[in-house]
PDB file of N, CA and C in Angstrom:
ATOM      1  N   UNK A   1       0.869  -1.220  -0.047  1.00  0.00           N
ATOM      2  CA  UNK A   1       0.024  -0.012   0.134  1.00  0.00           C
ATOM      3  C   UNK A   1       0.808   1.235   0.018  1.00  0.00           C
ATOM      4  N   UNK A   2       0.564   2.129  -0.864  1.00  0.00           N
ATOM      5  CA  UNK A   2       1.502   3.471  -0.704  1.00  0.00           C
ATOM      6  C   UNK A   2       1.194   4.143   0.271  1.00  0.00           C
ATOM      7  N   UNK A   3       2.339   5.179   0.808  1.00  0.00           N
ATOM      8  CA  UNK A   3       2.391   6.055   1.896  1.00  0.00           C
ATOM      9  C   UNK A   3       1.357   7.047   1.464  1.00  0.00           C
ATOM     10  N   UNK A   4       0.633   7.334   2.441  1.00  0.00           N
ATOM     11  CA  UNK A   4      -0.255   8.632   2.692  1.00  0.00           C
ATOM     12  C   UNK A   4       0.439   9.773   1.831  1.00  0.00           C
ATOM     13  N   UNK A   5      -0.256  10.711   1.085  1.00  0.00           N
ATOM     14  CA  UNK A   5       0.320  11.829   0.416  1.00  0.00           C
ATOM     15  C   UNK A   5       0.507  12.812   1.782  1.00  0.00           C
ATOM     16  N   UNK A   6       1.580  13.718   1.726  1.00  0.00           N
ATOM     17  CA  UNK A   6       1.916  14.590   2.497  1.00  0.00           C
ATOM     18  C   UNK A   6       1.506  15.855   2.195  1.00  0.00           C
ATOM     19  N   UNK A   7       1.116  16.853   2.841  1.00  0.00           N
ATOM     20  CA  UNK A   7       0.466  18.076   2.799  1.00  0.00           C
ATOM     21  C   UNK A   7       1.372  18.949   3.686  1.00  0.00           C
ATOM     22  N   UNK A   8       1.413  20.138   3.378  1.00  0.00           N
ATOM     23  CA  UNK A   8       2.303  21.163   4.162  1.00  0.00           C
ATOM     24  C   UNK A   8       1.809  21.192   5.433  1.00  0.00           C
ATOM     25  N   UNK A   9       2.554  21.132   6.557  1.00  0.00           N
ATOM     26  CA  UNK A   9       2.479  21.248   7.873  1.00  0.00           C
ATOM     27  C   UNK A   9       1.828  22.524   8.311  1.00  0.00           C
ATOM     28  N   UNK A  10       0.548  22.489   9.308  1.00  0.00           N
ATOM     29  CA  UNK A  10      -0.028  23.394   9.886  1.00  0.00           C
ATOM     30  C   UNK A  10       1.150  23.978  10.800  1.00  0.00           C
ATOM     31  N   UNK A  11       1.749  25.394  10.621  1.00  0.00           N
ATOM     32  CA  UNK A  11       2.607  25.712  11.692  1.00  0.00           C
ATOM     33  C   UNK A  11       2.204  25.958  13.121  1.00  0.00           C
ATOM     34  N   UNK A  12       3.185  25.580  13.887  1.00  0.00           N
ATOM     35  CA  UNK A  12       2.957  25.911  15.420  1.00  0.00           C
ATOM     36  C   UNK A  12       4.220  26.833  15.739  1.00  0.00           C
ATOM     37  N   UNK A  13       4.191  27.680  16.843  1.00  0.00           N
ATOM     38  CA  UNK A  13       5.227  28.422  17.240  1.00  0.00           C
ATOM     39  C   UNK A  13       5.296  28.512  18.899  1.00  0.00           C
ATOM     40  N   UNK A  14       6.437  28.992  19.615  1.00  0.00           N
ATOM     41  CA  UNK A  14       6.445  28.838  20.694  1.00  0.00           C
ATOM     42  C   UNK A  14       7.624  29.828  21.160  1.00  0.00           C
ATOM     43  N   UNK A  15       7.307  30.609  22.032  1.00  0.00           N
ATOM     44  CA  UNK A  15       8.469  31.599  22.654  1.00  0.00           C
ATOM     45  C   UNK A  15       8.961  30.790  23.678  1.00  0.00           C
ATOM     46  N   UNK A  16      10.270  30.692  23.860  1.00  0.00           N
ATOM     47  CA  UNK A  16      10.948  29.636  24.676  1.00  0.00           C
ATOM     48  C   UNK A  16      11.436  30.682  25.753  1.00  0.00           C
ATOM     49  N   UNK A  17      10.676  30.733  26.847  1.00  0.00           N
ATOM     50  CA  UNK A  17      11.164  31.451  28.024  1.00  0.00           C
ATOM     51  C   UNK A  17      11.643  30.529  29.303  1.00  0.00           C
ATOM     52  N   UNK A  18      11.944  31.235  30.379  1.00  0.00           N
ATOM     53  CA  UNK A  18      12.304  30.432  31.600  1.00  0.00           C
ATOM     54  C   UNK A  18      11.182  29.578  31.824  1.00  0.00           C
ATOM     55  N   UNK A  19       9.858  29.708  31.896  1.00  0.00           N
ATOM     56  CA  UNK A  19       8.945  28.879  32.305  1.00  0.00           C
ATOM     57  C   UNK A  19       8.929  27.616  31.548  1.00  0.00           C
ATOM     58  N   UNK A  20       9.159  27.861  30.279  1.00  0.00           N
ATOM     59  CA  UNK A  20       9.088  26.467  29.478  1.00  0.00           C
ATOM     60  C   UNK A  20      10.254  25.492  29.468  1.00  0.00           C
ATOM     61  N   UNK A  21      11.578  26.205  29.626  1.00  0.00           N
ATOM     62  CA  UNK A  21      12.757  25.500  29.833  1.00  0.00           C
ATOM     63  C   UNK A  21      12.734  24.739  31.199  1.00  0.00           C
ATOM     64  N   UNK A  22      12.219  25.425  32.197  1.00  0.00           N
ATOM     65  CA  UNK A  22      12.194  24.627  33.613  1.00  0.00           C
ATOM     66  C   UNK A  22      11.082  23.668  33.496  1.00  0.00           C
ATOM     67  N   UNK A  23       9.894  23.979  33.148  1.00  0.00           N
ATOM     68  CA  UNK A  23       8.708  22.936  33.023  1.00  0.00           C
ATOM     69  C   UNK A  23       9.324  21.619  32.167  1.00  0.00           C
ATOM     70  N   UNK A  24       9.960  22.012  31.123  1.00  0.00           N
ATOM     71  CA  UNK A  24      10.729  20.942  30.167  1.00  0.00           C
ATOM     72  C   UNK A  24      11.883  20.090  30.872  1.00  0.00           C
ATOM     73  N   UNK A  25      12.679  20.669  31.623  1.00  0.00           N
ATOM     74  CA  UNK A  25      13.609  19.993  32.591  1.00  0.00           C
ATOM     75  C   UNK A  25      12.883  19.040  33.477  1.00  0.00           C
ATOM     76  N   UNK A  26      11.744  19.530  33.945  1.00  0.00           N
ATOM     77  CA  UNK A  26      11.057  18.703  34.922  1.00  0.00           C
ATOM     78  C   UNK A  26      10.420  17.616  34.142  1.00  0.00           C
ATOM     79  N   UNK A  27       9.833  17.561  33.169  1.00  0.00           N
ATOM     80  CA  UNK A  27       9.028  16.616  32.422  1.00  0.00           C
ATOM     81  C   UNK A  27      10.167  15.514  31.877  1.00  0.00           C
ATOM     82  N   UNK A  28      11.271  16.154  31.287  1.00  0.00           N
ATOM     83  CA  UNK A  28      12.184  15.122  30.800  1.00  0.00           C
ATOM     84  C   UNK A  28      13.352  14.649  31.775  1.00  0.00           C
ATOM     85  N   UNK A  29      13.430  15.115  32.929  1.00  0.00           N
ATOM     86  CA  UNK A  29      14.500  14.729  33.893  1.00  0.00           C
ATOM     87  C   UNK A  29      15.986  15.344  33.384  1.00  0.00           C
ATOM     88  N   UNK A  30      16.014  16.225  32.390  1.00  0.00           N
ATOM     89  CA  UNK A  30      17.190  16.633  31.970  1.00  0.00           C
ATOM     90  C   UNK A  30      17.455  17.996  32.798  1.00  0.00           C
ATOM     91  N   UNK A  31      18.270  17.807  33.757  1.00  0.00           N
ATOM     92  CA  UNK A  31      18.716  19.204  34.687  1.00  0.00           C
ATOM     93  C   UNK A  31      20.123  19.536  34.143  1.00  0.00           C
ATOM     94  N   UNK A  32      20.446  19.277  32.965  1.00  0.00           N
ATOM     95  CA  UNK A  32      21.789  19.859  32.493  1.00  0.00           C
ATOM     96  C   UNK A  32      21.867  21.194  32.790  1.00  0.00           C
ATOM     97  N   UNK A  33      23.234  21.761  33.338  1.00  0.00           N
ATOM     98  CA  UNK A  33      23.420  23.093  33.495  1.00  0.00           C
ATOM     99  C   UNK A  33      23.192  24.132  32.615  1.00  0.00           C
ATOM    100  N   UNK A  34      23.759  23.497  31.369  1.00  0.00           N
ATOM    101  CA  UNK A  34      23.622  24.358  30.140  1.00  0.00           C
ATOM    102  C   UNK A  34      22.135  24.877  29.927  1.00  0.00           C
ATOM    103  N   UNK A  35      21.183  24.269  30.403  1.00  0.00           N
ATOM    104  CA  UNK A  35      19.822  24.511  30.079  1.00  0.00           C
ATOM    105  C   UNK A  35      19.366  25.708  31.282  1.00  0.00           C
ATOM    106  N   UNK A  36      19.918  25.390  32.626  1.00  0.00           N
ATOM    107  CA  UNK A  36      19.200  25.968  33.778  1.00  0.00           C
ATOM    108  C   UNK A  36      20.039  26.863  34.460  1.00  0.00           C
ATOM    109  N   UNK A  37      21.409  27.060  34.164  1.00  0.00           N
ATOM    110  CA  UNK A  37      22.484  27.749  35.138  1.00  0.00           C
ATOM    111  C   UNK A  37      23.054  28.780  34.291  1.00  0.00           C
ATOM    112  N   UNK A  38      22.784  29.996  34.420  1.00  0.00           N
ATOM    113  CA  UNK A  38      23.251  31.020  33.406  1.00  0.00           C
ATOM    114  C   UNK A  38      24.969  31.295  33.655  1.00  0.00           C
ATOM    115  N   UNK A  39      25.320  31.269  34.989  1.00  0.00           N
ATOM    116  CA  UNK A  39      26.707  31.382  35.284  1.00  0.00           C
ATOM    117  C   UNK A  39      27.424  30.092  34.399  1.00  0.00           C
ATOM    118  N   UNK A  40      26.924  28.927  34.637  1.00  0.00           N
ATOM    119  CA  UNK A  40      27.652  27.855  33.958  1.00  0.00           C
ATOM    120  C   UNK A  40      27.503  28.035  32.280  1.00  0.00           C
ATOM    121  N   UNK A  41      26.403  28.460  31.832  1.00  0.00           N
ATOM    122  CA  UNK A  41      26.389  28.423  30.436  1.00  0.00           C
ATOM    123  C   UNK A  41      27.048  29.435  29.901  1.00  0.00           C
ATOM    124  N   UNK A  42      27.216  30.481  30.717  1.00  0.00           N
ATOM    125  CA  UNK A  42      28.352  31.664  30.127  1.00  0.00           C
ATOM    126  C   UNK A  42      29.633  31.374  29.737  1.00  0.00           C
ATOM    127  N   UNK A  43      30.005  30.138  30.447  1.00  0.00           N
ATOM    128  CA  UNK A  43      31.408  29.686  30.129  1.00  0.00           C
ATOM    129  C   UNK A  43      31.451  28.466  29.300  1.00  0.00           C
ATOM    130  N   UNK A  44      30.420  28.261  28.446  1.00  0.00           N
ATOM    131  CA  UNK A  44      30.410  27.311  27.278  1.00  0.00           C
ATOM    132  C   UNK A  44      30.532  28.043  25.791  1.00  0.00           C
ATOM    133  N   UNK A  45      30.679  27.261  24.829  1.00  0.00           N
ATOM    134  CA  UNK A  45      30.896  27.857  23.563  1.00  0.00           C
ATOM    135  C   UNK A  45      29.516  28.655  23.012  1.00  0.00           C
ATOM    136  N   UNK A  46      28.359  28.091  23.761  1.00  0.00           N
ATOM    137  CA  UNK A  46      27.118  29.063  23.402  1.00  0.00           C
ATOM    138  C   UNK A  46      27.085  30.477  24.225  1.00  0.00           C
ATOM    139  N   UNK A  47      27.945  30.653  25.165  1.00  0.00           N
ATOM    140  CA  UNK A  47      27.953  31.966  25.846  1.00  0.00           C
ATOM    141  C   UNK A  47      26.427  32.162  26.673  1.00  0.00           C
ATOM    142  N   UNK A  48      25.616  31.532  26.628  1.00  0.00           N
ATOM    143  CA  UNK A  48      24.398  31.598  27.361  1.00  0.00           C
ATOM    144  C   UNK A  48      23.457  30.329  27.471  1.00  0.00           C
ATOM    145  N   UNK A  49      22.679  30.332  28.506  1.00  0.00           N
ATOM    146  CA  UNK A  49      21.784  29.170  28.379  1.00  0.00           C
ATOM    147  C   UNK A  49      20.968  28.871  27.180  1.00  0.00           C
ATOM    148  N   UNK A  50      20.797  27.632  26.770  1.00  0.00           N
ATOM    149  CA  UNK A  50      19.996  27.209  25.804  1.00  0.00           C
ATOM    150  C   UNK A  50      18.875  26.104  26.043  1.00  0.00           C
ATOM    151  N   UNK A  51      17.919  26.328  25.145  1.00  0.00           N
ATOM    152  CA  UNK A  51      16.931  25.398  25.691  1.00  0.00           C
ATOM    153  C   UNK A  51      16.978  23.816  24.996  1.00  0.00           C
ATOM    154  N   UNK A  52      16.584  23.122  25.690  1.00  0.00           N
ATOM    155  CA  UNK A  52      16.542  21.496  25.297  1.00  0.00           C
ATOM    156  C   UNK A  52      16.287  21.278  23.818  1.00  0.00           C
ATOM    157  N   UNK A  53      17.229  20.814  23.078  1.00  0.00           N
ATOM    158  CA  UNK A  53      16.972  20.360  21.519  1.00  0.00           C
ATOM    159  C   UNK A  53      15.437  19.739  21.436  1.00  0.00           C
ATOM    160  N   UNK A  54      15.244  18.871  22.480  1.00  0.00           N
ATOM    161  CA  UNK A  54      13.904  18.006  22.274  1.00  0.00           C
ATOM    162  C   UNK A  54      12.703  18.822  22.303  1.00  0.00           C
ATOM    163  N   UNK A  55      13.026  19.969  23.062  1.00  0.00           N
ATOM    164  CA  UNK A  55      11.711  20.845  23.355  1.00  0.00           C
ATOM    165  C   UNK A  55      11.179  21.437  21.863  1.00  0.00           C
ATOM    166  N   UNK A  56      12.368  21.820  21.094  1.00  0.00           N
ATOM    167  CA  UNK A  56      11.775  22.327  19.875  1.00  0.00           C
ATOM    168  C   UNK A  56      11.391  21.294  18.985  1.00  0.00           C
ATOM    169  N   UNK A  57      11.988  20.141  19.143  1.00  0.00           N
ATOM    170  CA  UNK A  57      11.479  18.863  18.308  1.00  0.00           C
ATOM    171  C   UNK A  57      10.213  18.416  18.455  1.00  0.00           C
ATOM    172  N   UNK A  58       9.664  18.476  19.844  1.00  0.00           N
ATOM    173  CA  UNK A  58       8.302  18.326  20.189  1.00  0.00           C
ATOM    174  C   UNK A  58       7.350  19.391  19.840  1.00  0.00           C
ATOM    175  N   UNK A  59       7.727  20.527  19.298  1.00  0.00           N
ATOM    176  CA  UNK A  59       6.900  21.291  18.782  1.00  0.00           C
ATOM    177  C   UNK A  59       6.723  21.025  17.445  1.00  0.00           C
ATOM    178  N   UNK A  60       7.576  20.350  16.658  1.00  0.00           N
ATOM    179  CA  UNK A  60       7.719  19.706  15.374  1.00  0.00           C
ATOM    180  C   UNK A  60       6.489  18.623  15.335  1.00  0.00           C
ATOM    181  N   UNK A  61       6.521  17.664  16.517  1.00  0.00           N
ATOM    182  CA  UNK A  61       5.523  16.550  16.572  1.00  0.00           C
ATOM    183  C   UNK A  61       4.172  17.121  16.561  1.00  0.00           C
ATOM    184  N   UNK A  62       3.935  18.493  17.562  1.00  0.00           N
ATOM    185  CA  UNK A  62       2.653  18.976  17.715  1.00  0.00           C
ATOM    186  C   UNK A  62       2.171  19.351  16.184  1.00  0.00           C
ATOM    187  N   UNK A  63       3.094  19.870  15.569  1.00  0.00           N
ATOM    188  CA  UNK A  63       2.607  20.442  14.354  1.00  0.00           C
ATOM    189  C   UNK A  63       2.118  19.055  13.185  1.00  0.00           C
ATOM    190  N   UNK A  64       2.948  17.995  13.535  1.00  0.00           N
ATOM    191  CA  UNK A  64       2.503  16.802  12.517  1.00  0.00           C
ATOM    192  C   UNK A  64       1.014  16.373  13.017  1.00  0.00           C
ATOM    193  N   UNK A  65       1.019  16.296  14.566  1.00  0.00           N
ATOM    194  CA  UNK A  65      -0.205  15.879  14.816  1.00  0.00           C
ATOM    195  C   UNK A  65      -1.449  16.868  14.563  1.00  0.00           C
ATOM    196  N   UNK A  66      -1.277  18.228  14.578  1.00  0.00           N
ATOM    197  CA  UNK A  66      -2.298  18.937  14.236  1.00  0.00           C
ATOM    198  C   UNK A  66      -2.589  19.085  12.874  1.00  0.00           C
ATOM    199  N   UNK A  67      -1.654  18.725  11.785  1.00  0.00           N
ATOM    200  CA  UNK A  67      -1.801  18.498  10.424  1.00  0.00           C
ATOM    201  C   UNK A  67      -2.346  17.174  10.169  1.00  0.00           C
ATOM    202  N   UNK A  68      -2.044  16.075  10.670  1.00  0.00           N
ATOM    203  CA  UNK A  68      -2.365  14.807  10.245  1.00  0.00           C
ATOM    204  C   UNK A  68      -3.132  13.751  10.938  1.00  0.00           C
ATOM    205  N   UNK A  69      -3.295  14.509  12.515  1.00  0.00           N
ATOM    206  CA  UNK A  69      -4.052  13.757  13.344  1.00  0.00           C
ATOM    207  C   UNK A  69      -3.097  12.688  14.211  1.00  0.00           C
ATOM    208  N   UNK A  70      -3.300  12.664  15.569  1.00  0.00           N
ATOM    209  CA  UNK A  70      -2.410  11.899  16.440  1.00  0.00           C
ATOM    210  C   UNK A  70      -2.221  10.484  15.864  1.00  0.00           C
ATOM    211  N   UNK A  71      -3.172   9.806  15.271  1.00  0.00           N
ATOM    212  CA  UNK A  71      -2.971   8.411  14.677  1.00  0.00           C
ATOM    213  C   UNK A  71      -1.577   8.441  13.673  1.00  0.00           C
ATOM    214  N   UNK A  72      -1.340   9.659  13.019  1.00  0.00           N
ATOM    215  CA  UNK A  72      -0.354   9.412  11.894  1.00  0.00           C
ATOM    216  C   UNK A  72       0.983   9.478  12.608  1.00  0.00           C
ATOM    217  N   UNK A  73       1.129   9.921  13.746  1.00  0.00           N
ATOM    218  CA  UNK A  73       2.369   9.873  14.679  1.00  0.00           C
ATOM    219  C   UNK A  73       2.954   8.661  14.610  1.00  0.00           C
ATOM    220  N   UNK A  74       1.980   7.745  14.994  1.00  0.00           N
ATOM    221  CA  UNK A  74       2.633   6.342  15.173  1.00  0.00           C
ATOM    222  C   UNK A  74       3.175   5.595  14.146  1.00  0.00           C
ATOM    223  N   UNK A  75       2.562   6.064  12.812  1.00  0.00           N
ATOM    224  CA  UNK A  75       3.249   5.342  11.756  1.00  0.00           C
ATOM    225  C   UNK A  75       4.214   6.113  10.795  1.00  0.00           C
ATOM    226  N   UNK A  76       4.615   7.289  11.384  1.00  0.00           N
ATOM    227  CA  UNK A  76       5.411   8.011  10.594  1.00  0.00           C
ATOM    228  C   UNK A  76       6.667   8.016  10.859  1.00  0.00           C
ATOM    229  N   UNK A  77       7.708   8.462  10.111  1.00  0.00           N
ATOM    230  CA  UNK A  77       9.159   8.343   9.975  1.00  0.00           C
ATOM    231  C   UNK A  77       9.496   9.702  10.153  1.00  0.00           C
ATOM    232  N   UNK A  78      10.463  10.267  11.048  1.00  0.00           N
ATOM    233  CA  UNK A  78      10.774  11.691  11.032  1.00  0.00           C
ATOM    234  C   UNK A  78      12.486  11.499  11.516  1.00  0.00           C
ATOM    235  N   UNK A  79      13.089  11.713  10.591  1.00  0.00           N
ATOM    236  CA  UNK A  79      14.495  12.040  10.679  1.00  0.00           C
ATOM    237  C   UNK A  79      15.051  13.456  10.765  1.00  0.00           C
ATOM    238  N   UNK A  80      15.857  13.970  12.002  1.00  0.00           N
ATOM    239  CA  UNK A  80      16.136  15.179  11.919  1.00  0.00           C
ATOM    240  C   UNK A  80      17.563  15.356  12.390  1.00  0.00           C
ATOM    241  N   UNK A  81      18.022  16.583  11.915  1.00  0.00           N
ATOM    242  CA  UNK A  81      19.233  17.113  12.413  1.00  0.00           C
ATOM    243  C   UNK A  81      19.119  18.306  13.201  1.00  0.00           C
ATOM    244  N   UNK A  82      19.898  18.524  14.469  1.00  0.00           N
ATOM    245  CA  UNK A  82      19.920  19.826  15.079  1.00  0.00           C
ATOM    246  C   UNK A  82      20.787  20.667  14.588  1.00  0.00           C
ATOM    247  N   UNK A  83      20.610  21.764  14.186  1.00  0.00           N
ATOM    248  CA  UNK A  83      21.249  22.578  13.485  1.00  0.00           C
ATOM    249  C   UNK A  83      22.074  23.719  14.253  1.00  0.00           C
ATOM    250  N   UNK A  84      21.213  24.273  14.846  1.00  0.00           N
ATOM    251  CA  UNK A  84      21.691  25.498  15.855  1.00  0.00           C
ATOM    252  C   UNK A  84      20.960  25.284  17.174  1.00  0.00           C
ATOM    253  N   UNK A  85      21.693  25.997  18.199  1.00  0.00           N
ATOM    254  CA  UNK A  85      20.691  26.128  19.691  1.00  0.00           C
ATOM    255  C   UNK A  85      19.570  27.283  19.655  1.00  0.00           C
ATOM    256  N   UNK A  86      18.793  26.881  20.399  1.00  0.00           N
ATOM    257  CA  UNK A  86      17.607  27.935  20.666  1.00  0.00           C
ATOM    258  C   UNK A  86      17.850  28.371  22.024  1.00  0.00           C
ATOM    259  N   UNK A  87      17.994  29.710  22.022  1.00  0.00           N
ATOM    260  CA  UNK A  87      18.280  30.372  23.300  1.00  0.00           C
ATOM    261  C   UNK A  87      16.959  30.958  24.027  1.00  0.00           C
ATOM    262  N   UNK A  88      17.064  31.265  25.298  1.00  0.00           N
ATOM    263  CA  UNK A  88      16.109  31.792  25.995  1.00  0.00           C
ATOM    264  C   UNK A  88      15.486  33.113  25.280  1.00  0.00           C
ATOM    265  N   UNK A  89      14.071  33.315  24.978  1.00  0.00           N
ATOM    266  CA  UNK A  89      13.522  34.249  24.625  1.00  0.00           C
ATOM    267  C   UNK A  89      13.768  34.092  22.875  1.00  0.00           C
ATOM    268  N   UNK A  90      14.038  33.055  22.386  1.00  0.00           N
ATOM    269  CA  UNK A  90      13.985  32.902  21.001  1.00  0.00           C
ATOM    270  C   UNK A  90      12.467  32.438  20.873  1.00  0.00           C
ATOM    271  N   UNK A  91      11.919  32.751  19.752  1.00  0.00           N
ATOM    272  CA  UNK A  91      10.681  32.009  19.167  1.00  0.00           C
ATOM    273  C   UNK A  91      10.817  31.070  18.020  1.00  0.00           C
ATOM    274  N   UNK A  92      10.454  30.065  18.361  1.00  0.00           N
ATOM    275  CA  UNK A  92      10.539  29.085  17.291  1.00  0.00           C
ATOM    276  C   UNK A  92       9.265  28.592  16.618  1.00  0.00           C
ATOM    277  N   UNK A  93       9.527  28.210  15.010  1.00  0.00           N
ATOM    278  CA  UNK A  93       7.951  27.984  14.335  1.00  0.00           C
ATOM    279  C   UNK A  93       8.444  26.921  13.614  1.00  0.00           C
ATOM    280  N   UNK A  94       7.594  25.874  13.270  1.00  0.00           N
ATOM    281  CA  UNK A  94       7.813  24.807  12.399  1.00  0.00           C
ATOM    282  C   UNK A  94       7.303  25.071  11.135  1.00  0.00           C
ATOM    283  N   UNK A  95       7.805  24.744   9.978  1.00  0.00           N
ATOM    284  CA  UNK A  95       7.726  24.904   8.707  1.00  0.00           C
ATOM    285  C   UNK A  95       7.818  23.608   7.897  1.00  0.00           C
ATOM    286  N   UNK A  96       7.152  23.535   6.657  1.00  0.00           N
ATOM    287  CA  UNK A  96       7.455  22.364   5.626  1.00  0.00           C
ATOM    288  C   UNK A  96       7.509  23.036   4.385  1.00  0.00           C
ATOM    289  N   UNK A  97       7.730  21.912   3.446  1.00  0.00           N
ATOM    290  CA  UNK A  97       7.925  22.318   1.960  1.00  0.00           C
ATOM    291  C   UNK A  97       6.456  22.192   1.612  1.00  0.00           C
ATOM    292  N   UNK A  98       6.181  22.992   0.512  1.00  0.00           N
ATOM    293  CA  UNK A  98       4.985  22.928   0.040  1.00  0.00           C
ATOM    294  C   UNK A  98       4.073  21.749  -0.358  1.00  0.00           C
ATOM    295  N   UNK A  99       5.265  20.729  -1.031  1.00  0.00           N
ATOM    296  CA  UNK A  99       4.843  19.306  -1.457  1.00  0.00           C
ATOM    297  C   UNK A  99       5.930  18.447  -1.188  1.00  0.00           C
ATOM    298  N   UNK A 100       5.521  17.197  -1.218  1.00  0.00           N
ATOM    299  CA  UNK A 100       6.576  16.122  -0.861  1.00  0.00           C
ATOM    300  C   UNK A 100       7.395  16.017  -2.054  1.00  0.00           C
ATOM    301  N   UNK A 101       8.505  15.380  -1.937  1.00  0.00           N
ATOM    302  CA  UNK A 101       9.706  15.049  -3.133  1.00  0.00           C
ATOM    303  C   UNK A 101       9.129  13.752  -3.552  1.00  0.00           C
ATOM    304  N   UNK A 102       9.697  13.506  -4.720  1.00  0.00           N
ATOM    305  CA  UNK A 102       9.362  12.404  -5.480  1.00  0.00           C
ATOM    306  C   UNK A 102       9.550  10.989  -4.828  1.00  0.00           C
ATOM    307  N   UNK A 103      10.353  11.200  -3.531  1.00  0.00           N
ATOM    308  CA  UNK A 103      10.481   9.836  -2.812  1.00  0.00           C
ATOM    309  C   UNK A 103       9.493   9.593  -1.696  1.00  0.00           C
ATOM    310  N   UNK A 104       8.683  10.578  -1.784  1.00  0.00           N
ATOM    311  CA  UNK A 104       7.372  10.634  -0.639  1.00  0.00           C
ATOM    312  C   UNK A 104       7.693  11.090   0.509  1.00  0.00           C
ATOM    313  N   UNK A 105       8.965  11.914   0.616  1.00  0.00           N
ATOM    314  CA  UNK A 105       9.063  12.506   2.109  1.00  0.00           C
ATOM    315  C   UNK A 105       8.976  14.040   1.844  1.00  0.00           C
ATOM    316  N   UNK A 106       8.680  14.600   3.007  1.00  0.00           N
ATOM    317  CA  UNK A 106       8.379  16.152   3.161  1.00  0.00           C
ATOM    318  C   UNK A 106       9.448  16.668   3.777  1.00  0.00           C
ATOM    319  N   UNK A 107      10.210  17.682   3.481  1.00  0.00           N
ATOM    320  CA  UNK A 107      11.211  18.580   4.158  1.00  0.00           C
ATOM    321  C   UNK A 107      10.424  19.363   5.374  1.00  0.00           C
ATOM    322  N   UNK A 108      10.987  19.209   6.439  1.00  0.00           N
ATOM    323  CA  UNK A 108      10.440  20.109   7.560  1.00  0.00           C
ATOM    324  C   UNK A 108      11.464  20.486   8.123  1.00  0.00           C
ATOM    325  N   UNK A 109      11.032  21.711   9.045  1.00  0.00           N
ATOM    326  CA  UNK A 109      12.169  22.330   9.946  1.00  0.00           C
ATOM    327  C   UNK A 109      11.430  22.903  11.084  1.00  0.00           C
ATOM    328  N   UNK A 110      12.424  23.434  12.047  1.00  0.00           N
ATOM    329  CA  UNK A 110      11.990  24.318  12.986  1.00  0.00           C
ATOM    330  C   UNK A 110      12.906  25.559  12.786  1.00  0.00           C
ATOM    331  N   UNK A 111      12.473  26.778  12.722  1.00  0.00           N
ATOM    332  CA  UNK A 111      13.139  28.038  12.558  1.00  0.00           C
ATOM    333  C   UNK A 111      13.095  28.736  13.598  1.00  0.00           C
ATOM    334  N   UNK A 112      13.992  29.706  13.948  1.00  0.00           N
ATOM    335  CA  UNK A 112      13.962  30.977  14.859  1.00  0.00           C
ATOM    336  C   UNK A 112      13.168  32.127  14.345  1.00  0.00           C
ATOM    337  N   UNK A 113      13.171  32.991  15.352  1.00  0.00           N
ATOM    338  CA  UNK A 113      12.556  34.478  14.804  1.00  0.00           C
ATOM    339  C   UNK A 113      13.530  35.091  13.608  1.00  0.00           C
ATOM    340  N   UNK A 114      14.688  34.643  13.627  1.00  0.00           N
ATOM    341  CA  UNK A 114      15.669  35.563  12.458  1.00  0.00           C
ATOM    342  C   UNK A 114      15.468  34.697  11.265  1.00  0.00           C
ATOM    343  N   UNK A 115      14.601  33.406  11.400  1.00  0.00           N
ATOM    344  CA  UNK A 115      14.564  32.641  10.113  1.00  0.00           C
ATOM    345  C   UNK A 115      15.852  31.619   9.782  1.00  0.00           C
ATOM    346  N   UNK A 116      16.424  31.553  10.828  1.00  0.00           N
ATOM    347  CA  UNK A 116      17.495  30.554  10.865  1.00  0.00           C
ATOM    348  C   UNK A 116      17.044  29.153  11.045  1.00  0.00           C
ATOM    349  N   UNK A 117      17.341  28.191  10.631  1.00  0.00           N
ATOM    350  CA  UNK A 117      16.952  26.523  10.692  1.00  0.00           C
ATOM    351  C   UNK A 117      17.839  26.007  12.030  1.00  0.00           C
ATOM    352  N   UNK A 118      16.836  25.701  12.830  1.00  0.00           N
ATOM    353  CA  UNK A 118      17.602  25.126  14.278  1.00  0.00           C
ATOM    354  C   UNK A 118      17.401  23.585  14.132  1.00  0.00           C
ATOM    355  N   UNK A 119      16.233  23.248  13.474  1.00  0.00           N
ATOM    356  CA  UNK A 119      16.205  21.624  13.409  1.00  0.00           C
ATOM    357  C   UNK A 119      15.789  21.481  11.743  1.00  0.00           C
ATOM    358  N   UNK A 120      16.481  20.650  11.015  1.00  0.00           N
ATOM    359  CA  UNK A 120      15.812  20.167   9.662  1.00  0.00           C
ATOM    360  C   UNK A 120      15.625  18.710   9.774  1.00  0.00           C
ATOM    361  N   UNK A 121      14.772  18.230   8.848  1.00  0.00           N
ATOM    362  CA  UNK A 121      14.297  17.079   9.036  1.00  0.00           C
ATOM    363  C   UNK A 121      13.370  16.598   7.881  1.00  0.00           C
ATOM    364  N   UNK A 122      13.175  15.255   7.630  1.00  0.00           N
ATOM    365  CA  UNK A 122      12.290  14.720   6.448  1.00  0.00           C
ATOM    366  C   UNK A 122      11.392  13.917   7.131  1.00  0.00           C
ATOM    367  N   UNK A 123      10.030  13.734   6.640  1.00  0.00           N
ATOM    368  CA  UNK A 123       8.951  13.255   7.397  1.00  0.00           C
ATOM    369  C   UNK A 123       8.315  12.320   6.132  1.00  0.00           C
ATOM    370  N   UNK A 124       8.191  11.228   6.573  1.00  0.00           N
ATOM    371  CA  UNK A 124       7.551  10.149   5.714  1.00  0.00           C
ATOM    372  C   UNK A 124       6.454   9.489   6.484  1.00  0.00           C
ATOM    373  N   UNK A 125       5.113   9.761   5.752  1.00  0.00           N
ATOM    374  CA  UNK A 125       4.053   9.276   6.453  1.00  0.00           C
ATOM    375  C   UNK A 125       3.771   7.787   6.103  1.00  0.00           C
ATOM    376  N   UNK A 126       3.019   7.072   7.042  1.00  0.00           N
ATOM    377  CA  UNK A 126       2.756   5.442   6.636  1.00  0.00           C
ATOM    378  C   UNK A 126       1.562   5.610   5.862  1.00  0.00           C
ATOM    379  N   UNK A 127       1.407   4.180   5.293  1.00  0.00           N
ATOM    380  CA  UNK A 127       0.181   4.106   4.548  1.00  0.00           C
ATOM    381  C   UNK A 127      -1.161   4.500   5.133  1.00  0.00           C
TER     382      UNK A 127
END
């Protein structure tokens, strides 16, 4: 059976603030000081605290669910690369290509408010 035809994702956006990062740390159990301790983070190559990469990835899952329904998540394949960090006070938004490629995949991404790609990926829906 052929895969379901991909349509452009319904965009979802999120302003990543202190509250979101702390809530995500509690939810995920990831208390890395890079996300939570400003003094520690200042001494890293990032120079400031960054959000958990999977926080932005979850926004992409929300966009997929909003577009195709919750059932589609169970049968899809999503391959991603984390490209840039998301800093506190960034706003991230999900994006996709207008149509799927010949191989049946849809290019998807998460961008920050400056239009920089922070996550890029490929979505393939199940039949």
